[in-house]
Amino acid sequence: MPTTAKTTTQTQPVITPPPPGFIRIAGVDPGTTAMGYAIIDAAKNEHILLSMGVIQLHKYPDAYVKLEKIFERLHGIFEYFNPNVLAIEAPFYGSNVQSMLKLGRAQGVAITAAMLHKMPVFEYAPRKIKQAITGNGNASKEQVAALLLKMLQLNKAPSFLDATDALGVAVCHSFQVFSALGAGNTGNSLGANKPARKKKPANWDSFIAENPHRVKK
């Protein structure tokens, strides 16, 4: 009998296209033990949480099976929510080369799943995310989580900080997008009535052209 990765999730089950002026962002916090994800609809001054959870991978001892489960779950999430873009946290480079290699592979699989769905991919360093959310690049995960819960008016924190880390990178990306586009330039086409996997709204072309260093090729 095939096995599936256990997922801890908070989900709003009714899936519709983003409201006019909003864009749907998938956020991912890569990991090989637990991988956080979040899906939000975002506008200049508003964020709506659609789903947030953790893909539990600790019970799979084989590294390649972990990668398979990451791809399966993210592919399913992207298929269901049809986000416009993936925002992913960059690996934190430490002294353990093997750990960094495994984390890089996990990130690569997440990026591959997004590219399969024709989603542009933007990468943000942990310090950049913390700075965007809290104003302090050295903030703790707990501080980031607390501010995100307040910002999105969520009553209950998830069981794992990996989920709020993923939410943080999604919100960070929304700040970057609407800051770059400027007030009044978002338009109803931004994330609204998104064609099936074919074409992104015109404003995305402008944003990508202005920020090529953030796109993973």
N, C-alpha and C. Protein backbone atom coordinates (compact mmCIF):
# COMPACT_ATOMS: atom_id res chain seq x y z
N MET A 1 0.85 -1.19 0.00
CA MET A 1 0.00 0.00 0.00
C MET A 1 0.89 1.24 0.00
N PRO A 2 0.64 2.19 -0.93
CA PRO A 2 1.49 3.37 -0.98
C PRO A 2 1.31 4.23 0.26
N THR A 3 2.38 4.90 0.66
CA THR A 3 2.34 5.78 1.82
C THR A 3 2.20 7.22 1.36
N THR A 4 1.68 8.06 2.23
CA THR A 4 1.55 9.48 1.92
C THR A 4 2.14 10.29 3.07
N ALA A 5 2.63 11.47 2.74
CA ALA A 5 3.20 12.33 3.76
C ALA A 5 2.09 12.92 4.62
N LYS A 6 2.27 12.86 5.93
CA LYS A 6 1.29 13.43 6.85
C LYS A 6 1.37 14.95 6.79
N THR A 7 0.20 15.58 6.72
CA THR A 7 0.15 17.03 6.63
C THR A 7 -0.70 17.59 7.74
N THR A 8 -0.14 18.56 8.46
CA THR A 8 -0.90 19.33 9.43
C THR A 8 -1.33 20.61 8.75
N THR A 9 -2.61 20.93 8.74
CA THR A 9 -3.07 22.03 7.91
C THR A 9 -4.25 22.77 8.51
N GLN A 10 -4.35 24.05 8.16
CA GLN A 10 -5.54 24.85 8.40
C GLN A 10 -6.01 25.29 7.03
N THR A 11 -7.26 25.00 6.67
CA THR A 11 -7.69 25.21 5.30
C THR A 11 -9.06 25.85 5.23
N GLN A 12 -9.20 26.80 4.31
CA GLN A 12 -10.50 27.32 3.91
C GLN A 12 -10.89 26.57 2.65
N PRO A 13 -11.95 25.74 2.68
CA PRO A 13 -12.17 24.77 1.62
C PRO A 13 -12.71 25.33 0.32
N VAL A 14 -13.35 26.50 0.29
CA VAL A 14 -13.96 27.01 -0.92
C VAL A 14 -12.90 27.76 -1.73
N ILE A 15 -12.55 27.22 -2.89
CA ILE A 15 -11.48 27.80 -3.69
C ILE A 15 -12.07 28.51 -4.89
N THR A 16 -11.86 29.80 -4.98
CA THR A 16 -12.29 30.63 -6.09
C THR A 16 -11.10 31.45 -6.55
N PRO A 17 -11.17 32.08 -7.71
CA PRO A 17 -10.07 32.97 -8.12
C PRO A 17 -9.89 34.10 -7.12
N PRO A 18 -8.72 34.71 -7.08
CA PRO A 18 -8.51 35.83 -6.16
C PRO A 18 -9.46 36.98 -6.48
N PRO A 19 -9.85 37.76 -5.49
CA PRO A 19 -10.70 38.93 -5.75
C PRO A 19 -9.97 39.92 -6.66
N PRO A 20 -10.70 40.79 -7.32
CA PRO A 20 -10.05 41.82 -8.16
C PRO A 20 -9.03 42.62 -7.36
N GLY A 21 -7.87 42.81 -7.95
CA GLY A 21 -6.80 43.56 -7.28
C GLY A 21 -5.93 42.73 -6.37
N PHE A 22 -6.25 41.45 -6.21
CA PHE A 22 -5.48 40.55 -5.36
C PHE A 22 -4.63 39.62 -6.23
N ILE A 23 -3.61 39.06 -5.62
CA ILE A 23 -2.81 38.01 -6.25
C ILE A 23 -2.68 36.86 -5.27
N ARG A 24 -2.66 35.66 -5.80
CA ARG A 24 -2.55 34.47 -4.95
C ARG A 24 -1.08 34.03 -4.87
N ILE A 25 -0.57 33.97 -3.66
CA ILE A 25 0.84 33.66 -3.43
C ILE A 25 0.97 32.37 -2.63
N ALA A 26 1.83 31.48 -3.11
CA ALA A 26 2.21 30.30 -2.33
C ALA A 26 3.53 30.59 -1.65
N GLY A 27 3.60 30.36 -0.35
CA GLY A 27 4.84 30.50 0.39
C GLY A 27 5.32 29.14 0.85
N VAL A 28 6.62 28.88 0.75
CA VAL A 28 7.18 27.60 1.17
C VAL A 28 8.43 27.83 2.01
N ASP A 29 8.48 27.13 3.14
CA ASP A 29 9.67 27.09 3.99
C ASP A 29 10.29 25.71 3.83
N PRO A 30 11.36 25.56 3.04
CA PRO A 30 11.90 24.24 2.75
C PRO A 30 12.43 23.53 3.99
N GLY A 31 12.30 22.23 3.99
CA GLY A 31 12.82 21.41 5.08
C GLY A 31 12.82 19.96 4.69
N THR A 32 13.61 19.16 5.38
CA THR A 32 13.65 17.72 5.11
C THR A 32 13.00 16.91 6.22
N THR A 33 12.67 17.56 7.31
CA THR A 33 11.91 16.92 8.39
C THR A 33 10.47 17.40 8.39
N ALA A 34 10.30 18.69 8.19
CA ALA A 34 8.97 19.29 8.06
C ALA A 34 9.09 20.45 7.08
N MET A 35 8.18 20.52 6.13
CA MET A 35 8.18 21.60 5.15
C MET A 35 6.90 22.41 5.31
N GLY A 36 7.06 23.69 5.61
CA GLY A 36 5.90 24.55 5.79
C GLY A 36 5.42 25.11 4.47
N TYR A 37 4.11 25.34 4.39
CA TYR A 37 3.55 25.98 3.21
C TYR A 37 2.39 26.88 3.64
N ALA A 38 2.10 27.87 2.81
CA ALA A 38 0.96 28.76 3.06
C ALA A 38 0.48 29.29 1.72
N ILE A 39 -0.82 29.51 1.63
CA ILE A 39 -1.43 30.10 0.44
C ILE A 39 -2.22 31.32 0.90
N ILE A 40 -1.93 32.47 0.30
CA ILE A 40 -2.66 33.69 0.65
C ILE A 40 -3.12 34.40 -0.62
N ASP A 41 -4.22 35.14 -0.49
CA ASP A 41 -4.60 36.15 -1.47
C ASP A 41 -4.17 37.48 -0.88
N ALA A 42 -3.44 38.26 -1.66
CA ALA A 42 -2.87 39.50 -1.13
C ALA A 42 -3.18 40.68 -2.03
N ALA A 43 -3.48 41.81 -1.40
CA ALA A 43 -3.59 43.10 -2.06
C ALA A 43 -2.66 44.06 -1.33
N LYS A 44 -2.71 45.33 -1.68
CA LYS A 44 -1.74 46.27 -1.12
C LYS A 44 -1.80 46.33 0.40
N ASN A 45 -2.99 46.34 0.96
CA ASN A 45 -3.12 46.48 2.41
C ASN A 45 -3.97 45.38 3.02
N GLU A 46 -4.03 44.22 2.37
CA GLU A 46 -4.88 43.15 2.87
C GLU A 46 -4.29 41.79 2.52
N HIS A 47 -4.43 40.85 3.46
CA HIS A 47 -3.98 39.48 3.25
C HIS A 47 -5.07 38.53 3.73
N ILE A 48 -5.42 37.57 2.89
CA ILE A 48 -6.43 36.58 3.22
C ILE A 48 -5.77 35.21 3.21
N LEU A 49 -5.78 34.51 4.33
CA LEU A 49 -5.19 33.18 4.41
C LEU A 49 -6.16 32.15 3.87
N LEU A 50 -5.71 31.39 2.89
CA LEU A 50 -6.51 30.30 2.34
C LEU A 50 -6.13 28.96 2.94
N SER A 51 -4.83 28.76 3.15
CA SER A 51 -4.37 27.49 3.70
C SER A 51 -2.98 27.67 4.29
N MET A 52 -2.72 26.91 5.35
CA MET A 52 -1.40 26.95 5.99
C MET A 52 -1.18 25.60 6.65
N GLY A 53 -0.02 25.04 6.48
CA GLY A 53 0.21 23.74 7.09
C GLY A 53 1.66 23.29 6.99
N VAL A 54 1.88 22.06 7.38
CA VAL A 54 3.21 21.46 7.40
C VAL A 54 3.15 20.07 6.79
N ILE A 55 4.04 19.80 5.88
CA ILE A 55 4.21 18.46 5.33
C ILE A 55 5.22 17.74 6.20
N GLN A 56 4.77 16.73 6.93
CA GLN A 56 5.62 15.99 7.86
C GLN A 56 6.40 14.91 7.11
N LEU A 57 7.72 14.96 7.23
CA LEU A 57 8.58 14.06 6.47
C LEU A 57 9.48 13.21 7.36
N HIS A 58 9.40 13.39 8.67
CA HIS A 58 10.36 12.75 9.57
C HIS A 58 10.24 11.23 9.57
N LYS A 59 9.07 10.71 9.20
CA LYS A 59 8.91 9.25 9.26
C LYS A 59 9.48 8.53 8.04
N TYR A 60 10.01 9.30 7.08
CA TYR A 60 10.60 8.68 5.89
C TYR A 60 12.12 8.73 6.01
N PRO A 61 12.77 7.61 6.31
CA PRO A 61 14.22 7.63 6.50
C PRO A 61 15.00 7.83 5.21
N ASP A 62 14.41 7.43 4.09
CA ASP A 62 15.11 7.53 2.81
C ASP A 62 15.01 8.95 2.26
N ALA A 63 16.15 9.54 1.95
CA ALA A 63 16.18 10.94 1.51
C ALA A 63 15.43 11.14 0.20
N TYR A 64 15.48 10.15 -0.68
CA TYR A 64 14.81 10.30 -1.97
C TYR A 64 13.31 10.14 -1.86
N VAL A 65 12.87 9.35 -0.91
CA VAL A 65 11.43 9.24 -0.65
C VAL A 65 10.90 10.57 -0.11
N LYS A 66 11.68 11.22 0.74
CA LYS A 66 11.29 12.55 1.24
C LYS A 66 11.06 13.50 0.07
N LEU A 67 11.97 13.50 -0.90
CA LEU A 67 11.84 14.39 -2.05
C LEU A 67 10.59 14.06 -2.86
N GLU A 68 10.32 12.77 -2.98
CA GLU A 68 9.11 12.34 -3.70
C GLU A 68 7.86 12.88 -3.01
N LYS A 69 7.82 12.76 -1.68
CA LYS A 69 6.65 13.22 -0.93
C LYS A 69 6.49 14.74 -1.01
N ILE A 70 7.61 15.44 -0.98
CA ILE A 70 7.55 16.90 -1.12
C ILE A 70 6.91 17.27 -2.45
N PHE A 71 7.36 16.63 -3.50
CA PHE A 71 6.83 16.94 -4.83
C PHE A 71 5.34 16.60 -4.91
N GLU A 72 4.97 15.43 -4.42
CA GLU A 72 3.57 15.00 -4.49
C GLU A 72 2.65 15.98 -3.78
N ARG A 73 3.02 16.36 -2.56
CA ARG A 73 2.15 17.23 -1.77
C ARG A 73 2.08 18.64 -2.34
N LEU A 74 3.22 19.20 -2.73
CA LEU A 74 3.20 20.55 -3.27
C LEU A 74 2.49 20.59 -4.62
N HIS A 75 2.70 19.57 -5.42
CA HIS A 75 1.99 19.50 -6.70
C HIS A 75 0.48 19.52 -6.46
N GLY A 76 0.02 18.75 -5.48
CA GLY A 76 -1.40 18.71 -5.16
C GLY A 76 -1.91 20.05 -4.64
N ILE A 77 -1.12 20.70 -3.79
CA ILE A 77 -1.51 22.00 -3.24
C ILE A 77 -1.59 23.05 -4.35
N PHE A 78 -0.60 23.07 -5.23
CA PHE A 78 -0.60 24.04 -6.33
C PHE A 78 -1.74 23.76 -7.30
N GLU A 79 -2.02 22.50 -7.53
CA GLU A 79 -3.12 22.13 -8.42
C GLU A 79 -4.45 22.60 -7.85
N TYR A 80 -4.61 22.49 -6.54
CA TYR A 80 -5.88 22.81 -5.89
C TYR A 80 -6.10 24.32 -5.78
N PHE A 81 -5.06 25.05 -5.37
CA PHE A 81 -5.22 26.48 -5.11
C PHE A 81 -4.88 27.36 -6.31
N ASN A 82 -4.12 26.82 -7.26
CA ASN A 82 -3.76 27.56 -8.47
C ASN A 82 -3.15 28.94 -8.17
N PRO A 83 -2.08 28.98 -7.39
CA PRO A 83 -1.46 30.28 -7.07
C PRO A 83 -0.79 30.90 -8.28
N ASN A 84 -0.60 32.22 -8.23
CA ASN A 84 0.06 32.94 -9.31
C ASN A 84 1.57 32.83 -9.24
N VAL A 85 2.11 32.64 -8.03
CA VAL A 85 3.55 32.74 -7.85
C VAL A 85 3.96 31.95 -6.61
N LEU A 86 5.21 31.49 -6.61
CA LEU A 86 5.79 30.86 -5.42
C LEU A 86 6.84 31.78 -4.83
N ALA A 87 6.72 32.03 -3.53
CA ALA A 87 7.77 32.72 -2.76
C ALA A 87 8.38 31.69 -1.83
N ILE A 88 9.69 31.52 -1.89
CA ILE A 88 10.34 30.45 -1.14
C ILE A 88 11.50 31.01 -0.34
N GLU A 89 11.67 30.48 0.86
CA GLU A 89 12.77 30.93 1.72
C GLU A 89 14.08 30.31 1.25
N ALA A 90 15.11 31.13 1.15
CA ALA A 90 16.43 30.65 0.76
C ALA A 90 17.03 29.84 1.90
N PRO A 91 17.82 28.81 1.57
CA PRO A 91 18.46 28.03 2.63
C PRO A 91 19.39 28.89 3.46
N PHE A 92 19.42 28.59 4.76
CA PHE A 92 20.36 29.26 5.66
C PHE A 92 21.66 28.46 5.64
N TYR A 93 22.72 29.07 5.19
CA TYR A 93 23.98 28.35 5.00
C TYR A 93 24.73 28.24 6.32
N GLY A 94 24.94 26.99 6.74
CA GLY A 94 25.66 26.72 7.97
C GLY A 94 26.91 25.91 7.70
N SER A 95 27.45 25.34 8.75
CA SER A 95 28.71 24.61 8.64
C SER A 95 28.53 23.15 8.25
N ASN A 96 27.30 22.63 8.36
CA ASN A 96 27.05 21.23 8.03
C ASN A 96 26.74 21.10 6.55
N VAL A 97 27.72 20.64 5.79
CA VAL A 97 27.58 20.58 4.34
C VAL A 97 26.49 19.60 3.93
N GLN A 98 26.40 18.45 4.59
CA GLN A 98 25.40 17.45 4.24
C GLN A 98 23.99 17.99 4.47
N SER A 99 23.79 18.69 5.55
CA SER A 99 22.47 19.27 5.83
C SER A 99 22.10 20.30 4.78
N MET A 100 23.06 21.12 4.38
CA MET A 100 22.81 22.13 3.36
C MET A 100 22.49 21.48 2.02
N LEU A 101 23.16 20.38 1.71
CA LEU A 101 22.90 19.67 0.46
C LEU A 101 21.47 19.14 0.44
N LYS A 102 21.05 18.52 1.55
CA LYS A 102 19.70 17.97 1.63
C LYS A 102 18.65 19.07 1.55
N LEU A 103 18.91 20.19 2.22
CA LEU A 103 17.96 21.30 2.20
C LEU A 103 17.87 21.91 0.81
N GLY A 104 19.01 22.01 0.14
CA GLY A 104 19.02 22.53 -1.23
C GLY A 104 18.23 21.65 -2.18
N ARG A 105 18.33 20.34 -1.99
CA ARG A 105 17.55 19.43 -2.82
C ARG A 105 16.05 19.61 -2.58
N ALA A 106 15.68 19.76 -1.31
CA ALA A 106 14.26 19.96 -0.98
C ALA A 106 13.75 21.25 -1.61
N GLN A 107 14.55 22.30 -1.55
CA GLN A 107 14.15 23.55 -2.17
C GLN A 107 14.01 23.38 -3.68
N GLY A 108 14.93 22.65 -4.28
CA GLY A 108 14.88 22.42 -5.72
C GLY A 108 13.63 21.68 -6.15
N VAL A 109 13.21 20.71 -5.36
CA VAL A 109 11.99 19.97 -5.68
C VAL A 109 10.77 20.89 -5.59
N ALA A 110 10.74 21.74 -4.57
CA ALA A 110 9.63 22.70 -4.43
C ALA A 110 9.58 23.64 -5.63
N ILE A 111 10.73 24.11 -6.06
CA ILE A 111 10.79 25.00 -7.22
C ILE A 111 10.34 24.27 -8.48
N THR A 112 10.74 23.01 -8.62
CA THR A 112 10.32 22.22 -9.78
C THR A 112 8.81 22.07 -9.82
N ALA A 113 8.19 21.81 -8.67
CA ALA A 113 6.73 21.68 -8.61
C ALA A 113 6.07 22.98 -9.05
N ALA A 114 6.62 24.11 -8.64
CA ALA A 114 6.06 25.40 -9.03
C ALA A 114 6.21 25.63 -10.53
N MET A 115 7.38 25.32 -11.07
CA MET A 115 7.62 25.54 -12.49
C MET A 115 6.73 24.65 -13.35
N LEU A 116 6.40 23.47 -12.85
CA LEU A 116 5.47 22.60 -13.56
C LEU A 116 4.11 23.28 -13.73
N HIS A 117 3.77 24.14 -12.77
CA HIS A 117 2.50 24.87 -12.82
C HIS A 117 2.67 26.27 -13.40
N LYS A 118 3.79 26.50 -14.07
CA LYS A 118 4.05 27.78 -14.75
C LYS A 118 4.03 28.97 -13.78
N MET A 119 4.53 28.75 -12.58
CA MET A 119 4.56 29.80 -11.56
C MET A 119 5.94 30.44 -11.50
N PRO A 120 6.05 31.75 -11.60
CA PRO A 120 7.33 32.41 -11.32
C PRO A 120 7.76 32.12 -9.88
N VAL A 121 9.05 32.03 -9.66
CA VAL A 121 9.57 31.69 -8.33
C VAL A 121 10.47 32.82 -7.84
N PHE A 122 10.22 33.26 -6.60
CA PHE A 122 11.00 34.33 -5.99
C PHE A 122 11.56 33.83 -4.66
N GLU A 123 12.83 34.11 -4.44
CA GLU A 123 13.55 33.60 -3.27
C GLU A 123 13.91 34.75 -2.34
N TYR A 124 13.71 34.52 -1.03
CA TYR A 124 14.01 35.54 -0.03
C TYR A 124 14.83 34.95 1.10
N ALA A 125 15.86 35.67 1.50
CA ALA A 125 16.69 35.24 2.63
C ALA A 125 15.90 35.36 3.93
N PRO A 126 16.17 34.50 4.91
CA PRO A 126 15.46 34.57 6.19
C PRO A 126 15.51 35.96 6.83
N ARG A 127 16.65 36.60 6.76
CA ARG A 127 16.79 37.94 7.36
C ARG A 127 15.88 38.95 6.66
N LYS A 128 15.77 38.84 5.35
CA LYS A 128 14.90 39.74 4.58
C LYS A 128 13.44 39.56 5.00
N ILE A 129 13.03 38.32 5.20
CA ILE A 129 11.65 38.03 5.60
C ILE A 129 11.37 38.61 6.98
N LYS A 130 12.28 38.36 7.91
CA LYS A 130 12.09 38.88 9.28
C LYS A 130 12.03 40.40 9.30
N GLN A 131 12.89 41.02 8.50
CA GLN A 131 12.90 42.48 8.42
C GLN A 131 11.57 43.00 7.87
N ALA A 132 11.04 42.33 6.85
CA ALA A 132 9.79 42.77 6.23
C ALA A 132 8.61 42.64 7.19
N ILE A 133 8.59 41.59 7.99
CA ILE A 133 7.44 41.32 8.86
C ILE A 133 7.54 42.11 10.16
N THR A 134 8.71 42.11 10.78
CA THR A 134 8.84 42.68 12.13
C THR A 134 9.61 43.99 12.18
N GLY A 135 10.34 44.30 11.11
CA GLY A 135 11.23 45.46 11.15
C GLY A 135 12.57 45.16 11.77
N ASN A 136 12.81 43.89 12.11
CA ASN A 136 14.05 43.46 12.74
C ASN A 136 14.53 42.18 12.06
N GLY A 137 15.65 42.28 11.36
CA GLY A 137 16.18 41.12 10.65
C GLY A 137 16.68 40.01 11.55
N ASN A 138 16.82 40.29 12.84
CA ASN A 138 17.27 39.29 13.80
C ASN A 138 16.13 38.77 14.68
N ALA A 139 14.90 39.04 14.30
CA ALA A 139 13.74 38.60 15.09
C ALA A 139 13.70 37.08 15.17
N SER A 140 13.11 36.56 16.24
CA SER A 140 12.96 35.12 16.40
C SER A 140 11.77 34.62 15.58
N LYS A 141 11.73 33.32 15.36
CA LYS A 141 10.60 32.72 14.67
C LYS A 141 9.30 33.00 15.42
N GLU A 142 9.37 32.96 16.73
CA GLU A 142 8.18 33.20 17.55
C GLU A 142 7.67 34.63 17.38
N GLN A 143 8.58 35.58 17.28
CA GLN A 143 8.18 36.97 17.08
C GLN A 143 7.53 37.16 15.71
N VAL A 144 8.10 36.53 14.70
CA VAL A 144 7.52 36.59 13.36
C VAL A 144 6.12 35.99 13.36
N ALA A 145 5.98 34.83 13.99
CA ALA A 145 4.68 34.16 14.05
C ALA A 145 3.64 35.02 14.75
N ALA A 146 4.02 35.63 15.86
CA ALA A 146 3.08 36.45 16.63
C ALA A 146 2.57 37.63 15.81
N LEU A 147 3.46 38.29 15.09
CA LEU A 147 3.05 39.44 14.29
C LEU A 147 2.20 39.02 13.10
N LEU A 148 2.50 37.87 12.51
CA LEU A 148 1.69 37.39 11.40
C LEU A 148 0.27 37.05 11.86
N LEU A 149 0.16 36.42 13.02
CA LEU A 149 -1.16 36.09 13.56
C LEU A 149 -1.98 37.35 13.80
N LYS A 150 -1.32 38.38 14.30
CA LYS A 150 -2.01 39.65 14.53
C LYS A 150 -2.38 40.33 13.21
N MET A 151 -1.45 40.31 12.26
CA MET A 151 -1.66 40.96 10.98
C MET A 151 -2.84 40.36 10.22
N LEU A 152 -2.92 39.02 10.23
CA LEU A 152 -3.97 38.33 9.50
C LEU A 152 -5.19 38.03 10.37
N GLN A 153 -5.15 38.50 11.63
CA GLN A 153 -6.27 38.34 12.57
C GLN A 153 -6.65 36.86 12.73
N LEU A 154 -5.63 36.04 12.96
CA LEU A 154 -5.83 34.61 13.17
C LEU A 154 -5.95 34.34 14.67
N ASN A 155 -6.89 33.49 15.02
CA ASN A 155 -7.16 33.23 16.43
C ASN A 155 -6.23 32.19 17.04
N LYS A 156 -5.71 31.30 16.21
CA LYS A 156 -4.94 30.17 16.72
C LYS A 156 -3.66 29.99 15.93
N ALA A 157 -2.56 29.84 16.64
CA ALA A 157 -1.28 29.59 15.99
C ALA A 157 -1.19 28.14 15.57
N PRO A 158 -0.53 27.84 14.44
CA PRO A 158 -0.33 26.45 14.05
C PRO A 158 0.61 25.75 15.02
N SER A 159 0.60 24.44 14.98
CA SER A 159 1.42 23.66 15.90
C SER A 159 2.91 23.75 15.58
N PHE A 160 3.24 24.11 14.35
CA PHE A 160 4.63 24.12 13.91
C PHE A 160 4.99 25.49 13.34
N LEU A 161 6.16 26.00 13.73
CA LEU A 161 6.61 27.29 13.24
C LEU A 161 6.98 27.25 11.76
N ASP A 162 7.17 26.04 11.21
CA ASP A 162 7.44 25.94 9.78
C ASP A 162 6.30 26.54 8.97
N ALA A 163 5.07 26.39 9.47
CA ALA A 163 3.90 26.92 8.76
C ALA A 163 3.91 28.45 8.76
N THR A 164 4.18 29.06 9.91
CA THR A 164 4.22 30.52 9.95
C THR A 164 5.46 31.07 9.23
N ASP A 165 6.53 30.29 9.16
CA ASP A 165 7.68 30.70 8.35
C ASP A 165 7.27 30.80 6.88
N ALA A 166 6.49 29.82 6.41
CA ALA A 166 6.01 29.84 5.03
C ALA A 166 5.06 31.00 4.80
N LEU A 167 4.20 31.26 5.79
CA LEU A 167 3.29 32.41 5.69
C LEU A 167 4.10 33.70 5.63
N GLY A 168 5.17 33.75 6.40
CA GLY A 168 6.01 34.94 6.41
C GLY A 168 6.63 35.25 5.05
N VAL A 169 7.11 34.22 4.37
CA VAL A 169 7.73 34.48 3.06
C VAL A 169 6.68 34.90 2.04
N ALA A 170 5.46 34.37 2.15
CA ALA A 170 4.38 34.79 1.25
C ALA A 170 4.02 36.25 1.48
N VAL A 171 3.89 36.64 2.75
CA VAL A 171 3.56 38.03 3.08
C VAL A 171 4.71 38.96 2.67
N CYS A 172 5.92 38.53 2.90
CA CYS A 172 7.09 39.31 2.49
C CYS A 172 7.05 39.58 0.99
N HIS A 173 6.71 38.56 0.22
CA HIS A 173 6.65 38.75 -1.23
C HIS A 173 5.55 39.74 -1.61
N SER A 174 4.43 39.68 -0.92
CA SER A 174 3.35 40.62 -1.23
C SER A 174 3.79 42.06 -0.98
N PHE A 175 4.56 42.28 0.08
CA PHE A 175 5.09 43.62 0.34
C PHE A 175 5.98 44.09 -0.81
N GLN A 176 6.82 43.18 -1.30
CA GLN A 176 7.73 43.53 -2.38
C GLN A 176 6.97 43.86 -3.66
N VAL A 177 5.95 43.06 -3.95
CA VAL A 177 5.17 43.25 -5.18
C VAL A 177 4.46 44.59 -5.18
N PHE A 178 3.71 44.86 -4.13
CA PHE A 178 2.89 46.06 -4.14
C PHE A 178 3.71 47.32 -3.90
N SER A 179 4.86 47.16 -3.30
CA SER A 179 5.78 48.29 -3.20
C SER A 179 6.36 48.62 -4.57
N ALA A 180 6.69 47.58 -5.35
CA ALA A 180 7.27 47.78 -6.67
C ALA A 180 6.25 48.31 -7.67
N LEU A 181 5.03 47.79 -7.59
CA LEU A 181 4.01 48.21 -8.54
C LEU A 181 3.49 49.61 -8.24
N GLY A 182 3.47 49.97 -6.96
CA GLY A 182 3.01 51.29 -6.58
C GLY A 182 1.50 51.37 -6.47
N ALA A 183 1.04 52.33 -5.72
CA ALA A 183 -0.40 52.51 -5.53
C ALA A 183 -1.06 52.85 -6.85
N GLY A 184 -2.20 52.19 -7.08
CA GLY A 184 -3.00 52.48 -8.26
C GLY A 184 -2.58 51.73 -9.49
N ASN A 185 -1.53 50.92 -9.42
CA ASN A 185 -1.06 50.20 -10.59
C ASN A 185 -1.39 48.72 -10.56
N THR A 186 -2.10 48.27 -9.53
CA THR A 186 -2.37 46.84 -9.41
C THR A 186 -3.45 46.40 -10.38
N GLY A 187 -4.56 47.15 -10.49
CA GLY A 187 -5.58 46.83 -11.49
C GLY A 187 -6.33 45.56 -11.18
N ASN A 188 -7.46 45.40 -11.80
CA ASN A 188 -8.27 44.21 -11.58
C ASN A 188 -7.65 42.97 -12.20
N SER A 189 -6.76 43.16 -13.16
CA SER A 189 -6.19 42.00 -13.82
C SER A 189 -5.16 41.28 -12.96
N LEU A 190 -4.71 41.89 -11.88
CA LEU A 190 -3.67 41.29 -11.04
C LEU A 190 -4.24 40.13 -10.25
N GLY A 191 -4.06 38.93 -10.78
CA GLY A 191 -4.53 37.73 -10.10
C GLY A 191 -5.98 37.42 -10.34
N ALA A 192 -6.72 38.28 -11.01
CA ALA A 192 -8.15 38.03 -11.22
C ALA A 192 -8.37 37.29 -12.52
N ASN A 193 -9.33 36.36 -12.51
CA ASN A 193 -9.69 35.59 -13.70
C ASN A 193 -8.46 35.00 -14.36
N LYS A 194 -7.62 34.37 -13.58
CA LYS A 194 -6.35 33.84 -14.06
C LYS A 194 -6.58 32.69 -15.04
N PRO A 195 -6.06 32.75 -16.27
CA PRO A 195 -6.20 31.64 -17.20
C PRO A 195 -5.51 30.41 -16.65
N ALA A 196 -5.95 29.27 -17.08
CA ALA A 196 -5.43 28.02 -16.54
C ALA A 196 -3.99 27.81 -16.99
N ARG A 197 -3.05 28.14 -16.10
CA ARG A 197 -1.62 27.81 -16.26
C ARG A 197 -0.96 28.42 -17.48
N LYS A 198 -1.63 29.32 -18.19
CA LYS A 198 -1.06 29.76 -19.45
C LYS A 198 -0.36 31.11 -19.36
N LYS A 199 -1.06 32.08 -18.81
CA LYS A 199 -0.58 33.45 -18.89
C LYS A 199 -0.76 34.15 -17.56
N LYS A 200 0.26 34.84 -17.11
CA LYS A 200 0.18 35.61 -15.89
C LYS A 200 -0.28 37.02 -16.23
N PRO A 201 -0.89 37.75 -15.26
CA PRO A 201 -1.32 39.11 -15.51
C PRO A 201 -0.17 39.99 -15.97
N ALA A 202 -0.50 41.02 -16.75
CA ALA A 202 0.53 41.86 -17.35
C ALA A 202 1.43 42.50 -16.31
N ASN A 203 0.88 42.87 -15.16
CA ASN A 203 1.69 43.51 -14.13
C ASN A 203 2.80 42.61 -13.63
N TRP A 204 2.57 41.29 -13.69
CA TRP A 204 3.62 40.36 -13.27
C TRP A 204 4.80 40.43 -14.21
N ASP A 205 4.53 40.61 -15.51
CA ASP A 205 5.63 40.73 -16.46
C ASP A 205 6.50 41.93 -16.10
N SER A 206 5.85 43.03 -15.72
CA SER A 206 6.61 44.22 -15.34
C SER A 206 7.42 43.99 -14.08
N PHE A 207 6.79 43.34 -13.10
CA PHE A 207 7.49 43.10 -11.83
C PHE A 207 8.69 42.19 -12.04
N ILE A 208 8.51 41.13 -12.82
CA ILE A 208 9.61 40.19 -13.08
C ILE A 208 10.73 40.88 -13.84
N ALA A 209 10.35 41.73 -14.82
CA ALA A 209 11.36 42.44 -15.60
C ALA A 209 12.19 43.37 -14.72
N GLU A 210 11.54 43.94 -13.70
CA GLU A 210 12.23 44.87 -12.80
C GLU A 210 13.01 44.16 -11.70
N ASN A 211 12.73 42.86 -11.50
CA ASN A 211 13.37 42.12 -10.40
C ASN A 211 13.91 40.78 -10.88
N PRO A 212 14.71 40.75 -11.94
CA PRO A 212 15.18 39.47 -12.48
C PRO A 212 16.04 38.68 -11.51
N HIS A 213 16.68 39.36 -10.57
CA HIS A 213 17.57 38.67 -9.62
C HIS A 213 16.80 37.81 -8.65
N ARG A 214 15.48 38.00 -8.53
CA ARG A 214 14.68 37.23 -7.58
C ARG A 214 14.06 35.98 -8.22
N VAL A 215 14.17 35.86 -9.53
CA VAL A 215 13.53 34.75 -10.22
C VAL A 215 14.51 33.60 -10.36
N LYS A 216 14.05 32.39 -9.98
CA LYS A 216 14.87 31.20 -10.11
C LYS A 216 14.67 30.62 -11.50
N LYS A 217 15.76 30.50 -12.24
CA LYS A 217 15.69 29.97 -13.61
C LYS A 217 15.77 28.46 -13.60
